[in-house]
Amino acid sequence: MSTTPEANPATPAKPSAASRYLFVFLVGLAIGAIAVVMILRAVEARKTWQDRYPVAAMDLFQAHMAQLKASTEANRCSATDILPHLQSLRTVANDIEPAFGDLREDARFSKHASDLRAVLDSTLAAPPLNCAGVSAATAKIGEACKACHQDFRG
């Protein structure tokens, strides 16, 4: 009895190389991300306090302004809530010229810093007694900041 040989079963199809390419791409992407983070940390580690000083001074100034705004929004406008922030703002205002050493000799920059200190001095001389006064004082301080930022920040 002769049996007819069955047709050869189909050989399995070759697996697509796309999955291998995708895997290699994802591994390369992960290694690249790790390398970028390492490079950025190395660059950041090389910065000195002089490099961080301007940003730190402005961040501190912004933090105290935010605290004043939060106190106003929470209707906590007593002298004990407001004066520490105003005094800190005045202290940070003394550091503006040293923080921005390259602008220290610029007359416009010195005038803006002086104007900011004058606004803070007048606010501390007659501290606001209610939230409306605190809002008005923060608006004046904000205007002094904005004037400098318009000329020097962009």
Protein backbone atom coordinates (compact mmCIF):
# COMPACT_ATOMS: atom_id res chain seq x y z
CA MET A 1 0.00 0.00 0.00
CA SER A 2 1.45 3.07 -0.96
CA THR A 3 0.80 6.08 1.06
CA THR A 4 1.18 9.39 -0.40
CA PRO A 5 3.54 11.44 1.53
CA GLU A 6 1.84 14.42 2.99
CA ALA A 7 3.07 17.75 1.95
CA ASN A 8 5.86 19.06 4.07
CA PRO A 9 4.39 21.08 6.85
CA ALA A 10 5.02 24.74 6.32
CA THR A 11 8.20 25.82 7.84
CA PRO A 12 7.64 28.35 10.60
CA ALA A 13 7.91 31.93 9.43
CA LYS A 14 11.03 33.77 10.41
CA PRO A 15 10.38 36.01 13.38
CA SER A 16 10.31 39.66 12.54
CA ALA A 17 13.43 41.65 13.34
CA ALA A 18 11.27 44.57 14.43
CA SER A 19 11.03 43.31 18.00
CA ARG A 20 14.82 43.10 18.22
CA TYR A 21 15.19 46.60 16.81
CA LEU A 22 12.61 47.90 19.27
CA PHE A 23 14.46 46.26 22.17
CA VAL A 24 17.81 47.72 21.09
CA PHE A 25 16.18 51.13 20.62
CA LEU A 26 14.66 51.06 24.11
CA VAL A 27 17.96 49.97 25.68
CA GLY A 28 19.75 52.79 23.83
CA LEU A 29 17.10 55.25 24.94
CA ALA A 30 17.49 54.20 28.58
CA ILE A 31 21.30 54.41 28.41
CA GLY A 32 21.06 57.82 26.75
CA ALA A 33 18.71 59.14 29.44
CA ILE A 34 21.03 57.90 32.17
CA ALA A 35 24.01 59.52 30.43
CA VAL A 36 22.20 62.85 30.11
CA VAL A 37 21.30 62.82 33.82
CA MET A 38 24.91 62.03 34.75
CA ILE A 39 26.23 64.84 32.55
CA LEU A 40 23.74 67.37 33.93
CA ARG A 41 24.62 66.41 37.50
CA ALA A 42 28.32 66.78 36.75
CA VAL A 43 27.73 70.26 35.29
CA GLU A 44 25.59 71.24 38.30
CA ALA A 45 28.23 69.95 40.72
CA ARG A 46 30.83 72.25 39.19
CA LYS A 47 28.82 75.36 40.05
CA THR A 48 30.05 77.44 42.94
CA TRP A 49 28.10 79.56 45.37
CA GLN A 50 28.72 82.58 43.13
CA ASP A 51 26.89 80.80 40.32
CA ARG A 52 23.92 79.98 42.55
CA TYR A 53 23.78 83.32 44.40
CA PRO A 54 21.59 85.31 41.94
CA VAL A 55 19.03 82.54 41.57
CA ALA A 56 18.99 81.86 45.30
CA ALA A 57 18.43 85.52 46.13
CA MET A 58 15.54 85.79 43.68
CA ASP A 59 14.04 82.49 44.85
CA LEU A 60 14.16 83.68 48.45
CA PHE A 61 12.59 86.99 47.48
CA GLN A 62 9.85 85.16 45.59
CA ALA A 63 9.22 82.82 48.53
CA HIS A 64 8.66 85.70 50.93
CA MET A 65 6.38 87.46 48.45
CA ALA A 66 4.38 84.23 48.10
CA GLN A 67 4.10 84.00 51.89
CA LEU A 68 2.77 87.56 52.03
CA LYS A 69 0.22 86.73 49.35
CA ALA A 70 -0.80 83.54 51.14
CA SER A 71 -1.22 85.46 54.41
CA THR A 72 -3.42 87.98 52.64
CA GLU A 73 -5.55 85.26 51.05
CA ALA A 74 -5.91 83.52 54.42
CA ASN A 75 -6.88 86.87 56.01
CA ARG A 76 -3.92 86.69 58.40
CA CYS A 77 -2.61 90.20 58.12
CA SER A 78 -1.50 91.01 61.64
CA ALA A 79 1.91 92.51 62.23
CA THR A 80 3.26 89.21 63.55
CA ASP A 81 2.35 87.53 60.27
CA ILE A 82 3.54 90.27 57.93
CA LEU A 83 6.58 91.99 59.47
CA PRO A 84 8.95 88.99 59.42
CA HIS A 85 8.45 88.62 55.67
CA LEU A 86 8.84 92.34 55.02
CA GLN A 87 12.03 92.41 57.09
CA SER A 88 13.38 89.40 55.22
CA LEU A 89 12.55 91.04 51.90
CA ARG A 90 14.48 94.13 53.01
CA THR A 91 17.46 91.99 54.00
CA VAL A 92 17.44 90.17 50.66
CA ALA A 93 17.16 93.52 48.88
CA ASN A 94 20.56 94.39 50.36
CA ASP A 95 22.00 91.39 48.51
CA ILE A 96 20.76 92.29 45.05
CA GLU A 97 23.83 94.17 43.84
CA PRO A 98 26.33 91.66 45.26
CA ALA A 99 24.32 88.78 43.81
CA PHE A 100 24.38 90.28 40.33
CA GLY A 101 28.00 91.37 40.29
CA ASP A 102 28.13 91.90 36.53
CA LEU A 103 25.28 94.45 36.79
CA ARG A 104 26.55 96.17 39.92
CA GLU A 105 28.10 99.05 37.97
CA ASP A 106 25.03 99.61 35.79
CA ALA A 107 23.31 102.83 36.93
CA ARG A 108 19.85 101.63 35.90
CA PHE A 109 20.27 98.40 37.89
CA SER A 110 21.48 100.29 40.96
CA LYS A 111 18.51 102.65 40.66
CA HIS A 112 16.05 99.75 40.47
CA ALA A 113 17.64 98.11 43.52
CA SER A 114 17.58 101.42 45.37
CA ASP A 115 13.92 101.97 44.45
CA LEU A 116 13.06 98.50 45.75
CA ARG A 117 14.81 99.22 49.03
CA ALA A 118 13.00 102.56 49.29
CA VAL A 119 9.62 100.87 48.83
CA LEU A 120 10.50 98.28 51.46
CA ASP A 121 11.81 100.96 53.85
CA SER A 122 8.60 102.99 53.53
CA THR A 123 6.53 99.84 54.03
CA LEU A 124 8.48 98.93 57.15
CA ALA A 125 8.29 102.51 58.46
CA ALA A 126 4.50 102.40 58.28
CA PRO A 127 3.59 98.70 58.30
CA PRO A 128 0.21 97.75 56.86
CA LEU A 129 -2.41 97.07 59.50
CA ASN A 130 -4.93 95.16 57.43
CA CYS A 131 -5.07 92.89 54.40
CA ALA A 132 -5.88 95.75 52.05
CA GLY A 133 -2.73 97.50 53.17
CA VAL A 134 -0.69 94.32 52.73
CA SER A 135 -2.10 93.90 49.23
CA ALA A 136 -1.20 97.49 48.38
CA ALA A 137 2.31 97.03 49.80
CA THR A 138 2.91 93.80 47.85
CA ALA A 139 1.64 95.53 44.72
CA LYS A 140 4.20 98.34 45.19
CA ILE A 141 6.97 95.83 45.83
CA GLY A 142 5.86 93.87 42.77
CA GLU A 143 5.98 97.01 40.63
CA ALA A 144 9.53 97.72 41.78
CA CYS A 145 10.50 94.15 40.90
CA LYS A 146 8.72 94.31 37.55
CA ALA A 147 10.50 97.52 36.57
CA CYS A 148 13.90 95.86 37.00
CA HIS A 149 12.81 92.63 35.35
CA GLN A 150 11.54 94.55 32.31
CA ASP A 151 14.93 96.18 31.85
CA PHE A 152 17.22 93.27 32.66
CA ARG A 153 15.40 89.97 32.50
CA GLY A 154 13.97 90.05 29.06
